[in-house]
Amino acid sequence: MSEKSKKIAALIEPFHGQELDARYLGYFECFNQGRFFEAHEVLEDLWLADRKGPDGSFYKGLIQLAGAFVHLEKKRPSPASALFKLALGNFENYPAIHHRLDLKKVAGQIGEWLEALGAARANGIELLPRETPRLGLEK
């Protein structure tokens, strides 16, 4: 087992045996902790298995969303903005709530982040939101 695989296994371990895939749940745990690169990593395996399947674009959009914040951490606003927009595009063909994620709410959040990013770039303000972005699953 590679070091990357061991790290991912450790990140998703607490989520095994739950209703949703452990990698999916691990994504949200990492994302909500501001561990955006790790969020991308834990979901990538799930996406690779289904990239041509019915949830391929959905998982790709979530990976792009985390990737946008990785770019913001590295102070690269243009790639971040592009990934936010790609994520929105990948969510378009899914229902308002998909796998317990309120995509309408997420789209609104992405819109706010894009707006803030535009203002930040114009004013030279810090690129990352003051508070760690959070995504929640519906019950």
Foldseek 3Di string as FASTA:
>chain_A
DDPLVVVLCVLQVVPPPDPDDSLQVSLQVCQQVVNLVSSLSSLVVVLVVACVHPCNLVSQLSSLQSVLSVCLVVVNNVSSLVSLVSSLVSCVVDPCADPQFRVVVVNVVSVVLNVVQVVCVVVVHRNDDPHRDHTDGHD
